[in-house]
Amino acid sequence: MKDYMVRALAYDGQIRAYAANTTATVQEAQRRHYTWPTASAALGRTMTAGVMMGAMLKGDNNLTVKVEGNGPIGLILVDSNANGEVRGYVTNPQTHLDLNEQGKLDVRGAVGTEGSLTIVKDLGMRENFTGQVPLVSGELGEDFTYYFATSEQVPSSVGVGVLVNPDNSILAAGGFIIQLMPGADDATIESIERRLKLIPPISKLIQQGLSPEKILEAVLGEGKVKVLDSLPVSFKCKCSKERFGAAIISLGSTEIQEMIDEDGQAEAQCHFCHETYHFDQQELESFLQEAK
């Protein structure tokens, strides 16, 4: 199954819902960064939430998710947009801890329980929208749930999960976001709360082969969901050799001359995708002329 997400309404418009299968997308991030299992789970959960939040935007708008906890994994940074494209990295990709008391990957231990979750939305206006909340769990699903309730005043339930194979590859990854629309009645809320307590972990539903549509039915009830549209999901980076070249030019002629004198070449690596760009002496001399 190719990665994709769906946007839907439920209970006659009382509920807005998103669900995504992100297995191949998280696998691409794992491959590029060689993340170990606990780091894969933390990055994968953040990318999954980020790509669904990106789908709430319009046009060329995009957002950045920053998870800054006090755990050994360090910063988690994810970019996404309204087209289902997402990229991300962690400061310490080779982070892996013993399983937690439930026998699951200890994401909380890796992320930490003190710190912040920050969402920065570029909506094409003069200033970006920034919302920040303290971490309440470190498991990330609960932290995104708290973000929506506190920063955006939208009662929500966020479920994100990643299963990792013994060889570090990604077995299953995906998630859902359920949001109450204004005027949702008590019976609807109670019904959803009951179902959320009973459903298996989201990663298990993906592993069992449930599509995003079926995941929403599992969460919200059969016959209750009206799918509005679907969107392909993929790992995609915005970096390019031209962008890095422009960044080198912006360093100024003195620094470029030092590169030429000391090494006769330069290399730059993208944090998000680990792509490496090489610039030979001729290219650096061309940049030097532009910088002057």
C-alpha atoms as a PDB file:
ATOM      1  CA  MET A   1       0.000   0.000   0.000  1.00  0.00           C
ATOM      2  CA  LYS A   2       1.380   3.415  -0.952  1.00  0.00           C
ATOM      3  CA  ASP A   3       1.424   6.032   1.762  1.00  0.00           C
ATOM      4  CA  TYR A   4      -1.550   8.366   1.757  1.00  0.00           C
ATOM      5  CA  MET A   5      -3.921  10.180   4.077  1.00  0.00           C
ATOM      6  CA  VAL A   6      -7.614  10.938   4.059  1.00  0.00           C
ATOM      7  CA  ARG A   7      -9.608  13.927   5.248  1.00  0.00           C
ATOM      8  CA  ALA A   8     -13.103  13.210   6.482  1.00  0.00           C
ATOM      9  CA  LEU A   9     -16.139  14.377   8.422  1.00  0.00           C
ATOM     10  CA  ALA A  10     -18.155  12.191  10.781  1.00  0.00           C
ATOM     11  CA  TYR A  11     -21.361  12.228  12.777  1.00  0.00           C
ATOM     12  CA  ASP A  12     -23.058  14.589  10.326  1.00  0.00           C
ATOM     13  CA  GLY A  13     -20.254  17.153  10.426  1.00  0.00           C
ATOM     14  CA  GLN A  14     -19.757  17.176  14.199  1.00  0.00           C
ATOM     15  CA  ILE A  15     -16.295  15.637  13.798  1.00  0.00           C
ATOM     16  CA  ARG A  16     -13.357  16.504  11.544  1.00  0.00           C
ATOM     17  CA  ALA A  17     -10.928  13.627  11.040  1.00  0.00           C
ATOM     18  CA  TYR A  18      -7.620  12.747   9.406  1.00  0.00           C
ATOM     19  CA  ALA A  19      -5.860   9.397   9.096  1.00  0.00           C
ATOM     20  CA  ALA A  20      -2.607   8.442   7.394  1.00  0.00           C
ATOM     21  CA  ASN A  21      -0.431   5.480   6.523  1.00  0.00           C
ATOM     22  CA  THR A  22       3.158   6.767   6.637  1.00  0.00           C
ATOM     23  CA  THR A  23       5.119   3.488   6.646  1.00  0.00           C
ATOM     24  CA  ALA A  24       7.200   4.080   3.495  1.00  0.00           C
ATOM     25  CA  THR A  25       7.718   7.746   4.375  1.00  0.00           C
ATOM     26  CA  VAL A  26       9.097   6.936   7.827  1.00  0.00           C
ATOM     27  CA  GLN A  27      11.166   4.147   6.262  1.00  0.00           C
ATOM     28  CA  GLU A  28      12.754   6.709   3.927  1.00  0.00           C
ATOM     29  CA  ALA A  29      13.650   8.883   6.913  1.00  0.00           C
ATOM     30  CA  GLN A  30      15.070   5.824   8.722  1.00  0.00           C
ATOM     31  CA  ARG A  31      17.171   4.931   5.673  1.00  0.00           C
ATOM     32  CA  ARG A  32      18.534   8.424   5.202  1.00  0.00           C
ATOM     33  CA  HIS A  33      19.412   9.020   8.853  1.00  0.00           C
ATOM     34  CA  TYR A  34      20.061   5.412   9.914  1.00  0.00           C
ATOM     35  CA  THR A  35      17.875   5.898  12.985  1.00  0.00           C
ATOM     36  CA  TRP A  36      17.825   3.201  15.643  1.00  0.00           C
ATOM     37  CA  PRO A  37      14.427   1.847  16.786  1.00  0.00           C
ATOM     38  CA  THR A  38      13.502   4.303  19.567  1.00  0.00           C
ATOM     39  CA  ALA A  39      14.674   7.270  17.495  1.00  0.00           C
ATOM     40  CA  SER A  40      12.723   5.888  14.501  1.00  0.00           C
ATOM     41  CA  ALA A  41       9.558   5.735  16.606  1.00  0.00           C
ATOM     42  CA  ALA A  42       9.973   9.289  17.919  1.00  0.00           C
ATOM     43  CA  LEU A  43      10.793  10.766  14.510  1.00  0.00           C
ATOM     44  CA  GLY A  44       8.096   8.703  12.782  1.00  0.00           C
ATOM     45  CA  ARG A  45       5.395   9.756  15.232  1.00  0.00           C
ATOM     46  CA  THR A  46       6.353  13.422  14.817  1.00  0.00           C
ATOM     47  CA  MET A  47       6.452  13.171  11.009  1.00  0.00           C
ATOM     48  CA  THR A  48       3.054  11.455  10.979  1.00  0.00           C
ATOM     49  CA  ALA A  49       1.431  14.143  13.131  1.00  0.00           C
ATOM     50  CA  GLY A  50       3.218  16.832  11.118  1.00  0.00           C
ATOM     51  CA  VAL A  51       2.039  15.588   7.735  1.00  0.00           C
ATOM     52  CA  MET A  52      -1.594  15.423   8.923  1.00  0.00           C
ATOM     53  CA  MET A  53      -1.321  18.934  10.365  1.00  0.00           C
ATOM     54  CA  GLY A  54       0.125  20.056   7.034  1.00  0.00           C
ATOM     55  CA  ALA A  55      -3.056  18.770   5.372  1.00  0.00           C
ATOM     56  CA  MET A  56      -5.003  21.312   7.429  1.00  0.00           C
ATOM     57  CA  LEU A  57      -3.219  24.106   5.538  1.00  0.00           C
ATOM     58  CA  LYS A  58      -3.967  25.494   2.072  1.00  0.00           C
ATOM     59  CA  GLY A  59      -2.004  26.210  -1.102  1.00  0.00           C
ATOM     60  CA  ASP A  60       1.723  26.757  -0.597  1.00  0.00           C
ATOM     61  CA  ASN A  61       1.489  27.128   3.170  1.00  0.00           C
ATOM     62  CA  ASN A  62       3.754  24.981   5.319  1.00  0.00           C
ATOM     63  CA  LEU A  63       4.553  24.309   8.941  1.00  0.00           C
ATOM     64  CA  THR A  64       7.455  23.291  11.144  1.00  0.00           C
ATOM     65  CA  VAL A  65       7.195  21.047  14.204  1.00  0.00           C
ATOM     66  CA  LYS A  66       9.878  21.308  16.886  1.00  0.00           C
ATOM     67  CA  VAL A  67      10.026  18.858  19.796  1.00  0.00           C
ATOM     68  CA  GLU A  68      12.635  19.967  22.306  1.00  0.00           C
ATOM     69  CA  GLY A  69      12.730  17.601  25.275  1.00  0.00           C
ATOM     70  CA  ASN A  70      15.313  16.785  27.922  1.00  0.00           C
ATOM     71  CA  GLY A  71      15.856  13.211  26.678  1.00  0.00           C
ATOM     72  CA  PRO A  72      18.892  11.803  24.864  1.00  0.00           C
ATOM     73  CA  ILE A  73      17.375  12.070  21.378  1.00  0.00           C
ATOM     74  CA  GLY A  74      17.720  15.885  21.395  1.00  0.00           C
ATOM     75  CA  LEU A  75      15.758  18.094  19.004  1.00  0.00           C
ATOM     76  CA  ILE A  76      13.197  16.570  16.619  1.00  0.00           C
ATOM     77  CA  LEU A  77      12.511  18.869  13.668  1.00  0.00           C
ATOM     78  CA  VAL A  78       9.865  18.199  11.005  1.00  0.00           C
ATOM     79  CA  ASP A  79       8.670  20.278   8.024  1.00  0.00           C
ATOM     80  CA  SER A  80       5.437  19.570   6.147  1.00  0.00           C
ATOM     81  CA  ASN A  81       3.100  21.265   3.691  1.00  0.00           C
ATOM     82  CA  ALA A  82      -0.441  21.129   2.339  1.00  0.00           C
ATOM     83  CA  ASN A  83       0.561  18.637  -0.390  1.00  0.00           C
ATOM     84  CA  GLY A  84       1.385  15.654   1.825  1.00  0.00           C
ATOM     85  CA  GLU A  85       5.147  16.237   1.650  1.00  0.00           C
ATOM     86  CA  VAL A  86       7.181  15.899   4.839  1.00  0.00           C
ATOM     87  CA  ARG A  87      10.809  15.770   5.935  1.00  0.00           C
ATOM     88  CA  GLY A  88      12.461  15.520   9.332  1.00  0.00           C
ATOM     89  CA  TYR A  89      15.469  14.645  11.435  1.00  0.00           C
ATOM     90  CA  VAL A  90      16.572  14.105  15.033  1.00  0.00           C
ATOM     91  CA  THR A  91      19.768  15.422  16.617  1.00  0.00           C
ATOM     92  CA  ASN A  92      20.864  11.974  17.836  1.00  0.00           C
ATOM     93  CA  PRO A  93      19.518   9.369  15.371  1.00  0.00           C
ATOM     94  CA  GLN A  94      21.397   6.466  16.979  1.00  0.00           C
ATOM     95  CA  THR A  95      19.317   6.623  20.161  1.00  0.00           C
ATOM     96  CA  HIS A  96      17.815   3.381  21.447  1.00  0.00           C
ATOM     97  CA  LEU A  97      16.624   2.491  24.952  1.00  0.00           C
ATOM     98  CA  ASP A  98      15.391  -0.676  26.631  1.00  0.00           C
ATOM     99  CA  LEU A  99      11.673  -1.375  26.146  1.00  0.00           C
ATOM    100  CA  ASN A 100       9.328   0.306  28.635  1.00  0.00           C
ATOM    101  CA  GLU A 101       7.116  -1.414  31.241  1.00  0.00           C
ATOM    102  CA  GLN A 102       4.507  -2.186  28.550  1.00  0.00           C
ATOM    103  CA  GLY A 103       7.155  -3.899  26.398  1.00  0.00           C
ATOM    104  CA  LYS A 104       7.058  -1.067  23.848  1.00  0.00           C
ATOM    105  CA  LEU A 105       9.676   1.302  22.456  1.00  0.00           C
ATOM    106  CA  ASP A 106      10.457   3.876  25.157  1.00  0.00           C
ATOM    107  CA  VAL A 107       9.720   7.054  23.197  1.00  0.00           C
ATOM    108  CA  ARG A 108       9.040   8.968  26.392  1.00  0.00           C
ATOM    109  CA  GLY A 109      12.478   8.073  27.721  1.00  0.00           C
ATOM    110  CA  ALA A 110      14.130   9.155  24.462  1.00  0.00           C
ATOM    111  CA  VAL A 111      12.212  12.439  24.089  1.00  0.00           C
ATOM    112  CA  GLY A 112      12.029  13.374  27.771  1.00  0.00           C
ATOM    113  CA  THR A 113       9.119  14.673  29.809  1.00  0.00           C
ATOM    114  CA  GLU A 114      10.334  18.249  30.240  1.00  0.00           C
ATOM    115  CA  GLY A 115      10.574  20.645  27.336  1.00  0.00           C
ATOM    116  CA  SER A 116       8.319  22.058  24.656  1.00  0.00           C
ATOM    117  CA  LEU A 117       6.369  21.313  21.492  1.00  0.00           C
ATOM    118  CA  THR A 118       6.378  24.244  19.060  1.00  0.00           C
ATOM    119  CA  ILE A 119       4.363  24.607  15.847  1.00  0.00           C
ATOM    120  CA  VAL A 120       5.354  27.366  13.410  1.00  0.00           C
ATOM    121  CA  LYS A 121       2.942  27.950  10.508  1.00  0.00           C
ATOM    122  CA  ASP A 122       4.003  29.923   7.451  1.00  0.00           C
ATOM    123  CA  LEU A 123       0.640  31.125   6.126  1.00  0.00           C
ATOM    124  CA  GLY A 124       2.078  33.574   3.616  1.00  0.00           C
ATOM    125  CA  MET A 125       1.506  36.552   5.907  1.00  0.00           C
ATOM    126  CA  ARG A 126       4.032  39.056   7.181  1.00  0.00           C
ATOM    127  CA  GLU A 127       4.546  37.114  10.411  1.00  0.00           C
ATOM    128  CA  ASN A 128       4.383  33.369  11.015  1.00  0.00           C
ATOM    129  CA  PHE A 129       1.902  31.898  13.497  1.00  0.00           C
ATOM    130  CA  THR A 130       3.712  30.237  16.398  1.00  0.00           C
ATOM    131  CA  GLY A 131       2.117  28.077  19.067  1.00  0.00           C
ATOM    132  CA  GLN A 132       4.064  26.480  21.913  1.00  0.00           C
ATOM    133  CA  VAL A 133       3.085  24.175  24.761  1.00  0.00           C
ATOM    134  CA  PRO A 134       5.092  22.303  27.395  1.00  0.00           C
ATOM    135  CA  LEU A 135       5.558  18.574  26.877  1.00  0.00           C
ATOM    136  CA  VAL A 136       2.993  16.727  28.987  1.00  0.00           C
ATOM    137  CA  SER A 137       3.982  13.139  28.201  1.00  0.00           C
ATOM    138  CA  GLY A 138       6.912  12.702  25.823  1.00  0.00           C
ATOM    139  CA  GLU A 139       4.935   9.941  24.074  1.00  0.00           C
ATOM    140  CA  LEU A 140       4.041  12.633  21.479  1.00  0.00           C
ATOM    141  CA  GLY A 141       0.439  11.614  20.722  1.00  0.00           C
ATOM    142  CA  GLU A 142      -0.669  13.089  24.040  1.00  0.00           C
ATOM    143  CA  ASP A 143       1.581  16.104  23.471  1.00  0.00           C
ATOM    144  CA  PHE A 144      -0.038  16.919  20.115  1.00  0.00           C
ATOM    145  CA  THR A 145      -3.476  16.381  21.691  1.00  0.00           C
ATOM    146  CA  TYR A 146      -2.556  18.905  24.395  1.00  0.00           C
ATOM    147  CA  TYR A 147      -1.226  21.341  21.772  1.00  0.00           C
ATOM    148  CA  PHE A 148      -4.528  21.382  19.863  1.00  0.00           C
ATOM    149  CA  ALA A 149      -6.608  21.829  23.021  1.00  0.00           C
ATOM    150  CA  THR A 150      -4.373  24.537  24.525  1.00  0.00           C
ATOM    151  CA  SER A 151      -2.865  26.484  21.623  1.00  0.00           C
ATOM    152  CA  GLU A 152      -5.625  26.185  19.026  1.00  0.00           C
ATOM    153  CA  GLN A 153      -8.601  25.614  21.390  1.00  0.00           C
ATOM    154  CA  VAL A 154      -9.741  22.593  19.362  1.00  0.00           C
ATOM    155  CA  PRO A 155     -10.595  19.511  21.472  1.00  0.00           C
ATOM    156  CA  SER A 156      -8.770  16.693  19.677  1.00  0.00           C
ATOM    157  CA  SER A 157      -7.449  13.170  19.982  1.00  0.00           C
ATOM    158  CA  VAL A 158      -4.140  12.378  18.256  1.00  0.00           C
ATOM    159  CA  GLY A 159      -2.945   8.807  17.804  1.00  0.00           C
ATOM    160  CA  VAL A 160       0.462   8.156  16.202  1.00  0.00           C
ATOM    161  CA  GLY A 161       2.507   4.973  16.156  1.00  0.00           C
ATOM    162  CA  VAL A 162       5.514   3.226  14.630  1.00  0.00           C
ATOM    163  CA  LEU A 163       6.512  -0.450  14.677  1.00  0.00           C
ATOM    164  CA  VAL A 164      10.148  -1.311  13.913  1.00  0.00           C
ATOM    165  CA  ASN A 165      11.521  -4.591  12.527  1.00  0.00           C
ATOM    166  CA  PRO A 166      14.530  -6.371  14.116  1.00  0.00           C
ATOM    167  CA  ASP A 167      16.717  -5.098  11.228  1.00  0.00           C
ATOM    168  CA  ASN A 168      15.745  -1.462  12.087  1.00  0.00           C
ATOM    169  CA  SER A 169      13.458  -1.109   9.045  1.00  0.00           C
ATOM    170  CA  ILE A 170       9.914   0.200   9.559  1.00  0.00           C
ATOM    171  CA  LEU A 171       7.166  -2.412   9.815  1.00  0.00           C
ATOM    172  CA  ALA A 172       4.224  -0.014  10.178  1.00  0.00           C
ATOM    173  CA  ALA A 173       3.656   3.690  10.783  1.00  0.00           C
ATOM    174  CA  GLY A 174       0.600   5.900  10.746  1.00  0.00           C
ATOM    175  CA  GLY A 175      -1.835   7.936  12.767  1.00  0.00           C
ATOM    176  CA  PHE A 176      -5.120   9.766  13.130  1.00  0.00           C
ATOM    177  CA  ILE A 177      -6.371  13.132  14.347  1.00  0.00           C
ATOM    178  CA  ILE A 178      -9.976  13.436  15.517  1.00  0.00           C
ATOM    179  CA  GLN A 179     -11.301  16.942  16.209  1.00  0.00           C
ATOM    180  CA  LEU A 180     -14.598  18.128  17.679  1.00  0.00           C
ATOM    181  CA  MET A 181     -16.353  20.808  15.670  1.00  0.00           C
ATOM    182  CA  PRO A 182     -18.279  23.560  17.503  1.00  0.00           C
ATOM    183  CA  GLY A 183     -21.639  22.229  18.642  1.00  0.00           C
ATOM    184  CA  ALA A 184     -20.696  18.536  18.862  1.00  0.00           C
ATOM    185  CA  ASP A 185     -23.221  16.922  21.207  1.00  0.00           C
ATOM    186  CA  ASP A 186     -22.478  14.949  24.374  1.00  0.00           C
ATOM    187  CA  ALA A 187     -23.696  11.619  22.958  1.00  0.00           C
ATOM    188  CA  THR A 188     -21.222  11.882  20.053  1.00  0.00           C
ATOM    189  CA  ILE A 189     -18.355  12.794  22.376  1.00  0.00           C
ATOM    190  CA  GLU A 190     -19.125   9.899  24.751  1.00  0.00           C
ATOM    191  CA  SER A 191     -19.365   7.430  21.862  1.00  0.00           C
ATOM    192  CA  ILE A 192     -15.954   8.454  20.491  1.00  0.00           C
ATOM    193  CA  GLU A 193     -14.351   8.404  23.954  1.00  0.00           C
ATOM    194  CA  ARG A 194     -15.606   4.819  24.463  1.00  0.00           C
ATOM    195  CA  ARG A 195     -14.247   3.693  21.094  1.00  0.00           C
ATOM    196  CA  LEU A 196     -10.856   5.350  21.661  1.00  0.00           C
ATOM    197  CA  LYS A 197     -10.431   3.335  24.876  1.00  0.00           C
ATOM    198  CA  LEU A 198     -11.139   0.051  23.080  1.00  0.00           C
ATOM    199  CA  ILE A 199      -9.218   0.281  19.793  1.00  0.00           C
ATOM    200  CA  PRO A 200      -5.768  -1.334  19.440  1.00  0.00           C
ATOM    201  CA  PRO A 201      -2.688   0.917  19.033  1.00  0.00           C
ATOM    202  CA  ILE A 202      -2.693   2.711  15.673  1.00  0.00           C
ATOM    203  CA  SER A 203       0.536   0.985  14.563  1.00  0.00           C
ATOM    204  CA  LYS A 204      -1.163  -2.398  15.089  1.00  0.00           C
ATOM    205  CA  LEU A 205      -4.077  -1.322  12.880  1.00  0.00           C
ATOM    206  CA  ILE A 206      -1.610  -0.363  10.127  1.00  0.00           C
ATOM    207  CA  GLN A 207       0.236  -3.680  10.580  1.00  0.00           C
ATOM    208  CA  GLN A 208      -3.092  -5.521  10.207  1.00  0.00           C
ATOM    209  CA  GLY A 209      -3.502  -3.854   6.813  1.00  0.00           C
ATOM    210  CA  LEU A 210      -6.192  -1.328   7.650  1.00  0.00           C
ATOM    211  CA  SER A 211      -6.362   1.571   5.196  1.00  0.00           C
ATOM    212  CA  PRO A 212      -6.697   5.150   6.480  1.00  0.00           C
ATOM    213  CA  GLU A 213     -10.430   4.950   5.688  1.00  0.00           C
ATOM    214  CA  LYS A 214     -10.791   1.768   7.755  1.00  0.00           C
ATOM    215  CA  ILE A 215      -8.764   3.283  10.594  1.00  0.00           C
ATOM    216  CA  LEU A 216     -11.295   6.118  10.848  1.00  0.00           C
ATOM    217  CA  GLU A 217     -14.125   3.574  10.858  1.00  0.00           C
ATOM    218  CA  ALA A 218     -12.369   1.702  13.673  1.00  0.00           C
ATOM    219  CA  VAL A 219     -12.049   4.924  15.658  1.00  0.00           C
ATOM    220  CA  LEU A 220     -15.404   6.525  14.852  1.00  0.00           C
ATOM    221  CA  GLY A 221     -17.701   3.649  13.916  1.00  0.00           C
ATOM    222  CA  GLU A 222     -18.811   2.008  10.700  1.00  0.00           C
ATOM    223  CA  GLY A 223     -21.169   4.134   8.645  1.00  0.00           C
ATOM    224  CA  LYS A 224     -20.304   7.284  10.600  1.00  0.00           C
ATOM    225  CA  VAL A 225     -17.462   8.528   8.368  1.00  0.00           C
ATOM    226  CA  LYS A 226     -17.756  10.577   5.175  1.00  0.00           C
ATOM    227  CA  VAL A 227     -14.374  10.737   3.384  1.00  0.00           C
ATOM    228  CA  LEU A 228     -13.861  14.089   1.663  1.00  0.00           C
ATOM    229  CA  ASP A 229     -10.631  13.393  -0.218  1.00  0.00           C
ATOM    230  CA  SER A 230      -7.280  11.616  -0.115  1.00  0.00           C
ATOM    231  CA  LEU A 231      -3.725  12.860  -0.530  1.00  0.00           C
ATOM    232  CA  PRO A 232      -0.479  10.992  -1.287  1.00  0.00           C
ATOM    233  CA  VAL A 233       2.151  11.194   1.474  1.00  0.00           C
ATOM    234  CA  SER A 234       5.896  11.180   0.794  1.00  0.00           C
ATOM    235  CA  PHE A 235       9.279  12.131   2.207  1.00  0.00           C
ATOM    236  CA  LYS A 236      10.396  15.115   0.171  1.00  0.00           C
ATOM    237  CA  CYS A 237      13.186  17.595   0.857  1.00  0.00           C
ATOM    238  CA  LYS A 238      13.410  21.159  -0.447  1.00  0.00           C
ATOM    239  CA  CYS A 239      17.198  21.212  -0.563  1.00  0.00           C
ATOM    240  CA  SER A 240      19.180  21.543  -3.799  1.00  0.00           C
ATOM    241  CA  LYS A 241      22.717  22.298  -4.940  1.00  0.00           C
ATOM    242  CA  GLU A 242      21.539  25.748  -6.055  1.00  0.00           C
ATOM    243  CA  ARG A 243      20.240  26.551  -2.551  1.00  0.00           C
ATOM    244  CA  PHE A 244      23.480  25.512  -0.910  1.00  0.00           C
ATOM    245  CA  GLY A 245      25.417  27.475  -3.533  1.00  0.00           C
ATOM    246  CA  ALA A 246      23.415  30.588  -2.668  1.00  0.00           C
ATOM    247  CA  ALA A 247      24.146  29.959   1.017  1.00  0.00           C
ATOM    248  CA  ILE A 248      27.896  29.798   0.308  1.00  0.00           C
ATOM    249  CA  ILE A 249      27.732  33.076  -1.653  1.00  0.00           C
ATOM    250  CA  SER A 250      25.965  34.693   1.316  1.00  0.00           C
ATOM    251  CA  LEU A 251      28.977  33.849   3.527  1.00  0.00           C
ATOM    252  CA  GLY A 252      30.945  36.570   1.751  1.00  0.00           C
ATOM    253  CA  SER A 253      34.162  36.721  -0.253  1.00  0.00           C
ATOM    254  CA  THR A 254      36.581  36.365   2.688  1.00  0.00           C
ATOM    255  CA  GLU A 255      35.142  33.021   3.816  1.00  0.00           C
ATOM    256  CA  ILE A 256      34.881  31.688   0.252  1.00  0.00           C
ATOM    257  CA  GLN A 257      38.528  32.633  -0.379  1.00  0.00           C
ATOM    258  CA  GLU A 258      39.503  30.688   2.760  1.00  0.00           C
ATOM    259  CA  MET A 259      37.676  27.601   1.391  1.00  0.00           C
ATOM    260  CA  ILE A 260      39.634  27.890  -1.850  1.00  0.00           C
ATOM    261  CA  ASP A 261      42.982  28.448  -0.118  1.00  0.00           C
ATOM    262  CA  GLU A 262      42.566  25.748   2.536  1.00  0.00           C
ATOM    263  CA  ASP A 263      40.749  22.916   0.757  1.00  0.00           C
ATOM    264  CA  GLY A 264      40.221  23.902  -2.860  1.00  0.00           C
ATOM    265  CA  GLN A 265      36.680  22.544  -2.578  1.00  0.00           C
ATOM    266  CA  ALA A 266      33.678  22.442  -0.241  1.00  0.00           C
ATOM    267  CA  GLU A 267      30.987  20.013   0.839  1.00  0.00           C
ATOM    268  CA  ALA A 268      27.593  20.724   2.355  1.00  0.00           C
ATOM    269  CA  GLN A 269      25.136  18.235   3.829  1.00  0.00           C
ATOM    270  CA  CYS A 270      21.405  18.760   4.355  1.00  0.00           C
ATOM    271  CA  HIS A 271      20.220  18.065   7.915  1.00  0.00           C
ATOM    272  CA  PHE A 272      16.799  16.922   6.715  1.00  0.00           C
ATOM    273  CA  CYS A 273      17.715  14.362   4.044  1.00  0.00           C
ATOM    274  CA  HIS A 274      21.477  13.796   4.481  1.00  0.00           C
ATOM    275  CA  GLU A 275      22.075  14.595   0.812  1.00  0.00           C
ATOM    276  CA  THR A 276      25.665  15.788   0.308  1.00  0.00           C
ATOM    277  CA  TYR A 277      26.574  18.446  -2.265  1.00  0.00           C
ATOM    278  CA  HIS A 278      30.137  18.871  -3.545  1.00  0.00           C
ATOM    279  CA  PHE A 279      31.557  22.147  -4.904  1.00  0.00           C
ATOM    280  CA  ASP A 280      34.896  22.082  -6.751  1.00  0.00           C
ATOM    281  CA  GLN A 281      37.405  24.936  -6.958  1.00  0.00           C
ATOM    282  CA  GLN A 282      35.972  26.273 -10.208  1.00  0.00           C
ATOM    283  CA  GLU A 283      32.507  26.551  -8.659  1.00  0.00           C
ATOM    284  CA  LEU A 284      33.922  28.247  -5.544  1.00  0.00           C
ATOM    285  CA  GLU A 285      35.796  30.772  -7.681  1.00  0.00           C
ATOM    286  CA  SER A 286      32.561  31.523  -9.520  1.00  0.00           C
ATOM    287  CA  PHE A 287      30.839  32.068  -6.134  1.00  0.00           C
ATOM    288  CA  LEU A 288      33.722  34.329  -5.111  1.00  0.00           C
ATOM    289  CA  GLN A 289      33.107  36.598  -8.111  1.00  0.00           C
ATOM    290  CA  GLU A 290      29.391  36.774  -7.274  1.00  0.00           C
ATOM    291  CA  ALA A 291      30.117  37.546  -3.629  1.00  0.00           C
ATOM    292  CA  LYS A 292      32.389  40.416  -4.646  1.00  0.00           C
END
